[in-house]
PDB file of all heavy atoms in Angstrom:
ATOM      1  N   ILE A   1       0.829  -1.205  -0.009  1.00  0.00           N
ATOM      2  CA  ILE A   1      -0.002   0.004   0.004  1.00  0.00           C
ATOM      3  C   ILE A   1       0.869   1.254  -0.006  1.00  0.00           C
ATOM      4  O   ILE A   1       0.629   2.220  -0.745  1.00  0.00           O
ATOM      5  CB  ILE A   1      -0.955  -0.021   1.198  1.00  0.00           C
ATOM      6  CG1 ILE A   1      -2.096  -1.021   0.943  1.00  0.00           C
ATOM      7  CG2 ILE A   1      -1.527   1.377   1.486  1.00  0.00           C
ATOM      8  CD1 ILE A   1      -3.005  -1.228   2.127  1.00  0.00           C
ATOM      9  N   MET A   2       1.911   1.256   0.824  1.00  0.00           N
ATOM     10  CA  MET A   2       2.788   2.438   0.859  1.00  0.00           C
ATOM     11  C   MET A   2       3.515   2.612  -0.448  1.00  0.00           C
ATOM     12  O   MET A   2       3.672   3.739  -0.950  1.00  0.00           O
ATOM     13  CB  MET A   2       3.772   2.300   2.026  1.00  0.00           C
ATOM     14  CG  MET A   2       4.453   3.618   2.391  1.00  0.00           C
ATOM     15  SD  MET A   2       3.337   4.811   3.145  1.00  0.00           S
ATOM     16  CE  MET A   2       3.257   6.070   1.882  1.00  0.00           C
ATOM     17  N   SER A   3       3.985   1.510  -1.047  1.00  0.00           N
ATOM     18  CA  SER A   3       4.713   1.639  -2.308  1.00  0.00           C
ATOM     19  C   SER A   3       3.804   2.141  -3.414  1.00  0.00           C
ATOM     20  O   SER A   3       4.247   2.891  -4.313  1.00  0.00           O
ATOM     21  CB  SER A   3       5.322   0.284  -2.707  1.00  0.00           C
ATOM     22  OG  SER A   3       4.354  -0.623  -3.148  1.00  0.00           O
ATOM     23  N   GLU A   4       2.545   1.740  -3.395  1.00  0.00           N
ATOM     24  CA  GLU A   4       1.623   2.128  -4.465  1.00  0.00           C
ATOM     25  C   GLU A   4       1.052   3.531  -4.285  1.00  0.00           C
ATOM     26  O   GLU A   4       0.547   4.116  -5.249  1.00  0.00           O
ATOM     27  CB  GLU A   4       0.513   1.097  -4.577  1.00  0.00           C
ATOM     28  CG  GLU A   4       1.035  -0.260  -5.039  1.00  0.00           C
ATOM     29  CD  GLU A   4      -0.039  -1.315  -5.185  1.00  0.00           C
ATOM     30  OE1 GLU A   4      -1.142  -1.143  -4.597  1.00  0.00           O
ATOM     31  OE2 GLU A   4       0.224  -2.332  -5.846  1.00  0.00           O
ATOM     32  N   PHE A   5       1.133   4.086  -3.099  1.00  0.00           N
ATOM     33  CA  PHE A   5       0.700   5.474  -2.853  1.00  0.00           C
ATOM     34  C   PHE A   5       1.834   6.461  -3.069  1.00  0.00           C
ATOM     35  O   PHE A   5       1.593   7.638  -3.350  1.00  0.00           O
ATOM     36  CB  PHE A   5       0.168   5.620  -1.434  1.00  0.00           C
ATOM     37  CG  PHE A   5      -1.292   5.303  -1.281  1.00  0.00           C
ATOM     38  CD1 PHE A   5      -1.702   4.226  -0.521  1.00  0.00           C
ATOM     39  CD2 PHE A   5      -2.257   6.082  -1.910  1.00  0.00           C
ATOM     40  CE1 PHE A   5      -3.052   3.931  -0.378  1.00  0.00           C
ATOM     41  CE2 PHE A   5      -3.607   5.783  -1.770  1.00  0.00           C
ATOM     42  CZ  PHE A   5      -4.015   4.716  -1.005  1.00  0.00           C
ATOM     43  N   ALA A   6       3.077   6.018  -2.910  1.00  0.00           N
ATOM     44  CA  ALA A   6       4.214   6.961  -2.863  1.00  0.00           C
ATOM     45  C   ALA A   6       4.630   7.416  -4.264  1.00  0.00           C
ATOM     46  O   ALA A   6       4.324   6.770  -5.259  1.00  0.00           O
ATOM     47  CB  ALA A   6       5.397   6.290  -2.165  1.00  0.00           C
ATOM     48  N   ASN A   7       5.337   8.539  -4.324  1.00  0.00           N
ATOM     49  CA  ASN A   7       5.957   8.946  -5.585  1.00  0.00           C
ATOM     50  C   ASN A   7       7.288   8.238  -5.727  1.00  0.00           C
ATOM     51  O   ASN A   7       7.872   7.759  -4.751  1.00  0.00           O
ATOM     52  CB  ASN A   7       6.125  10.463  -5.669  1.00  0.00           C
ATOM     53  CG  ASN A   7       7.096  11.005  -4.635  1.00  0.00           C
ATOM     54  OD1 ASN A   7       8.244  10.626  -4.575  1.00  0.00           O
ATOM     55  ND2 ASN A   7       6.610  11.916  -3.788  1.00  0.00           N
ATOM     56  N   LYS A   8       7.789   8.144  -6.938  1.00  0.00           N
ATOM     57  CA  LYS A   8       8.972   7.319  -7.180  1.00  0.00           C
ATOM     58  C   LYS A   8      10.244   7.940  -6.616  1.00  0.00           C
ATOM     59  O   LYS A   8      11.219   7.232  -6.347  1.00  0.00           O
ATOM     60  CB  LYS A   8       9.141   7.010  -8.672  1.00  0.00           C
ATOM     61  CG  LYS A   8       9.429   8.207  -9.565  1.00  0.00           C
ATOM     62  CD  LYS A   8       9.552   7.762 -11.007  1.00  0.00           C
ATOM     63  CE  LYS A   8       9.865   8.917 -11.943  1.00  0.00           C
ATOM     64  NZ  LYS A   8       9.963   8.457 -13.348  1.00  0.00           N
ATOM     65  N   ARG A   9      10.239   9.263  -6.407  1.00  0.00           N
ATOM     66  CA  ARG A   9      11.444   9.912  -5.892  1.00  0.00           C
ATOM     67  C   ARG A   9      11.692   9.605  -4.436  1.00  0.00           C
ATOM     68  O   ARG A   9      12.840   9.515  -3.991  1.00  0.00           O
ATOM     69  CB  ARG A   9      11.329  11.430  -6.111  1.00  0.00           C
ATOM     70  CG  ARG A   9      12.571  12.216  -5.732  1.00  0.00           C
ATOM     71  CD  ARG A   9      12.429  13.681  -6.118  1.00  0.00           C
ATOM     72  NE  ARG A   9      11.267  14.312  -5.471  1.00  0.00           N
ATOM     73  CZ  ARG A   9      11.292  14.823  -4.242  1.00  0.00           C
ATOM     74  NH1 ARG A   9      12.416  14.803  -3.540  1.00  0.00           N
ATOM     75  NH2 ARG A   9      10.207  15.380  -3.722  1.00  0.00           N
ATOM     76  N   THR A  10      10.646   9.486  -3.626  1.00  0.00           N
ATOM     77  CA  THR A  10      10.782   9.270  -2.177  1.00  0.00           C
ATOM     78  C   THR A  10      10.120   7.963  -1.725  1.00  0.00           C
ATOM     79  O   THR A  10       9.888   7.780  -0.551  1.00  0.00           O
ATOM     80  CB  THR A  10      10.190  10.433  -1.387  1.00  0.00           C
ATOM     81  OG1 THR A  10       8.797  10.578  -1.741  1.00  0.00           O
ATOM     82  CG2 THR A  10      10.904  11.731  -1.696  1.00  0.00           C
ATOM     83  N   ARG A  11       9.849   7.067  -2.656  1.00  0.00           N
ATOM     84  CA  ARG A  11       9.128   5.838  -2.314  1.00  0.00           C
ATOM     85  C   ARG A  11       9.891   4.998  -1.293  1.00  0.00           C
ATOM     86  O   ARG A  11       9.324   4.465  -0.334  1.00  0.00           O
ATOM     87  CB  ARG A  11       8.893   5.018  -3.589  1.00  0.00           C
ATOM     88  CG  ARG A  11       8.045   3.751  -3.360  1.00  0.00           C
ATOM     89  CD  ARG A  11       7.812   2.993  -4.664  1.00  0.00           C
ATOM     90  NE  ARG A  11       9.056   2.566  -5.254  1.00  0.00           N
ATOM     91  CZ  ARG A  11       9.483   2.906  -6.466  1.00  0.00           C
ATOM     92  NH1 ARG A  11       8.748   3.674  -7.247  1.00  0.00           N
ATOM     93  NH2 ARG A  11      10.646   2.463  -6.938  1.00  0.00           N
ATOM     94  N   GLY A  12      11.200   4.863  -1.476  1.00  0.00           N
ATOM     95  CA  GLY A  12      11.996   4.066  -0.541  1.00  0.00           C
ATOM     96  C   GLY A  12      11.944   4.615   0.868  1.00  0.00           C
ATOM     97  O   GLY A  12      11.825   3.864   1.827  1.00  0.00           O
ATOM     98  N   ALA A  13      12.037   5.948   0.997  1.00  0.00           N
ATOM     99  CA  ALA A  13      11.981   6.573   2.323  1.00  0.00           C
ATOM    100  C   ALA A  13      10.640   6.344   2.986  1.00  0.00           C
ATOM    101  O   ALA A  13      10.565   6.100   4.213  1.00  0.00           O
ATOM    102  CB  ALA A  13      12.281   8.074   2.198  1.00  0.00           C
ATOM    103  N   PHE A  14       9.567   6.405   2.214  1.00  0.00           N
ATOM    104  CA  PHE A  14       8.241   6.211   2.793  1.00  0.00           C
ATOM    105  C   PHE A  14       8.038   4.766   3.296  1.00  0.00           C
ATOM    106  O   PHE A  14       7.524   4.543   4.394  1.00  0.00           O
ATOM    107  CB  PHE A  14       7.162   6.574   1.789  1.00  0.00           C
ATOM    108  CG  PHE A  14       6.983   8.031   1.562  1.00  0.00           C
ATOM    109  CD1 PHE A  14       6.411   8.511   0.395  1.00  0.00           C
ATOM    110  CD2 PHE A  14       7.384   8.946   2.508  1.00  0.00           C
ATOM    111  CE1 PHE A  14       6.240   9.877   0.185  1.00  0.00           C
ATOM    112  CE2 PHE A  14       7.219  10.301   2.324  1.00  0.00           C
ATOM    113  CZ  PHE A  14       6.660  10.781   1.148  1.00  0.00           C
ATOM    114  N   ILE A  15       8.455   3.783   2.492  1.00  0.00           N
ATOM    115  CA  ILE A  15       8.315   2.394   2.928  1.00  0.00           C
ATOM    116  C   ILE A  15       9.213   2.134   4.119  1.00  0.00           C
ATOM    117  O   ILE A  15       8.835   1.434   5.061  1.00  0.00           O
ATOM    118  CB  ILE A  15       8.619   1.422   1.770  1.00  0.00           C
ATOM    119  CG1 ILE A  15       7.790   1.744   0.540  1.00  0.00           C
ATOM    120  CG2 ILE A  15       8.321  -0.010   2.217  1.00  0.00           C
ATOM    121  CD1 ILE A  15       8.163   0.918  -0.673  1.00  0.00           C
ATOM    122  N   ALA A  16      10.430   2.693   4.085  1.00  0.00           N
ATOM    123  CA  ALA A  16      11.348   2.532   5.235  1.00  0.00           C
ATOM    124  C   ALA A  16      10.773   3.157   6.494  1.00  0.00           C
ATOM    125  O   ALA A  16      10.938   2.625   7.595  1.00  0.00           O
ATOM    126  CB  ALA A  16      12.704   3.139   4.902  1.00  0.00           C
ATOM    127  N   ALA A  17      10.095   4.306   6.332  1.00  0.00           N
ATOM    128  CA  ALA A  17       9.475   4.964   7.490  1.00  0.00           C
ATOM    129  C   ALA A  17       8.386   4.092   8.091  1.00  0.00           C
ATOM    130  O   ALA A  17       8.218   4.018   9.327  1.00  0.00           O
ATOM    131  CB  ALA A  17       8.911   6.317   7.090  1.00  0.00           C
ATOM    132  N   VAL A  18       7.606   3.403   7.234  1.00  0.00           N
ATOM    133  CA  VAL A  18       6.603   2.449   7.732  1.00  0.00           C
ATOM    134  C   VAL A  18       7.292   1.367   8.553  1.00  0.00           C
ATOM    135  O   VAL A  18       6.883   1.031   9.671  1.00  0.00           O
ATOM    136  CB  VAL A  18       5.814   1.824   6.567  1.00  0.00           C
ATOM    137  CG1 VAL A  18       4.972   0.638   7.044  1.00  0.00           C
ATOM    138  CG2 VAL A  18       4.911   2.876   5.919  1.00  0.00           C
ATOM    139  N   PHE A  19       8.368   0.826   8.005  1.00  0.00           N
ATOM    140  CA  PHE A  19       9.079  -0.263   8.691  1.00  0.00           C
ATOM    141  C   PHE A  19       9.754   0.224   9.961  1.00  0.00           C
ATOM    142  O   PHE A  19       9.910  -0.534  10.934  1.00  0.00           O
ATOM    143  CB  PHE A  19      10.088  -0.899   7.743  1.00  0.00           C
ATOM    144  CG  PHE A  19      10.579  -2.231   8.202  1.00  0.00           C
ATOM    145  CD1 PHE A  19       9.739  -3.329   8.269  1.00  0.00           C
ATOM    146  CD2 PHE A  19      11.908  -2.422   8.563  1.00  0.00           C
ATOM    147  CE1 PHE A  19      10.192  -4.568   8.678  1.00  0.00           C
ATOM    148  CE2 PHE A  19      12.380  -3.657   8.983  1.00  0.00           C
ATOM    149  CZ  PHE A  19      11.509  -4.725   9.033  1.00  0.00           C
ATOM    150  N   SER A  20      10.169   1.507   9.977  1.00  0.00           N
ATOM    151  CA  SER A  20      10.858   2.049  11.150  1.00  0.00           C
ATOM    152  C   SER A  20       9.964   2.105  12.377  1.00  0.00           C
ATOM    153  O   SER A  20      10.465   2.256  13.492  1.00  0.00           O
ATOM    154  CB  SER A  20      11.382   3.444  10.837  1.00  0.00           C
ATOM    155  OG  SER A  20      10.321   4.409  10.817  1.00  0.00           O
ATOM    156  N   MET A  21       8.660   1.949  12.182  1.00  0.00           N
ATOM    157  CA  MET A  21       7.751   1.919  13.322  1.00  0.00           C
ATOM    158  C   MET A  21       8.068   0.736  14.242  1.00  0.00           C
ATOM    159  O   MET A  21       7.683   0.729  15.410  1.00  0.00           O
ATOM    160  CB  MET A  21       6.308   1.856  12.843  1.00  0.00           C
ATOM    161  CG  MET A  21       5.853   3.106  12.068  1.00  0.00           C
ATOM    162  SD  MET A  21       5.877   4.606  13.062  1.00  0.00           S
ATOM    163  CE  MET A  21       4.462   4.303  14.145  1.00  0.00           C
ATOM    164  N   GLN A  22       8.754  -0.260  13.696  1.00  0.00           N
ATOM    165  CA  GLN A  22       9.212  -1.361  14.546  1.00  0.00           C
ATOM    166  C   GLN A  22      10.115  -0.859  15.664  1.00  0.00           C
ATOM    167  O   GLN A  22      10.032  -1.314  16.807  1.00  0.00           O
ATOM    168  CB  GLN A  22       9.966  -2.391  13.714  1.00  0.00           C
ATOM    169  CG  GLN A  22       9.074  -3.363  12.955  1.00  0.00           C
ATOM    170  CD  GLN A  22       9.833  -4.585  12.463  1.00  0.00           C
ATOM    171  OE1 GLN A  22      11.046  -4.541  12.266  1.00  0.00           O
ATOM    172  NE2 GLN A  22       9.136  -5.678  12.292  1.00  0.00           N
ATOM    173  N   GLY A  23      10.999   0.080  15.333  1.00  0.00           N
ATOM    174  CA  GLY A  23      11.904   0.604  16.338  1.00  0.00           C
ATOM    175  C   GLY A  23      11.161   1.263  17.482  1.00  0.00           C
ATOM    176  O   GLY A  23      11.519   1.075  18.664  1.00  0.00           O
ATOM    177  N   PHE A  24      10.125   2.033  17.152  1.00  0.00           N
ATOM    178  CA  PHE A  24       9.328   2.664  18.204  1.00  0.00           C
ATOM    179  C   PHE A  24       8.487   1.625  18.965  1.00  0.00           C
ATOM    180  O   PHE A  24       8.212   1.810  20.135  1.00  0.00           O
ATOM    181  CB  PHE A  24       8.444   3.743  17.590  1.00  0.00           C
ATOM    182  CG  PHE A  24       9.220   4.873  16.999  1.00  0.00           C
ATOM    183  CD1 PHE A  24       9.303   5.051  15.631  1.00  0.00           C
ATOM    184  CD2 PHE A  24       9.924   5.754  17.817  1.00  0.00           C
ATOM    185  CE1 PHE A  24      10.048   6.097  15.075  1.00  0.00           C
ATOM    186  CE2 PHE A  24      10.652   6.811  17.278  1.00  0.00           C
ATOM    187  CZ  PHE A  24      10.721   6.966  15.908  1.00  0.00           C
TER     188      PHE A  24
END
């Protein structure tokens, strides 16, 4: 869902931010 909503320039950062919620 995050990859399909994101723009291609910052897509990696957005998906990584979703995954970073594990740290919190």
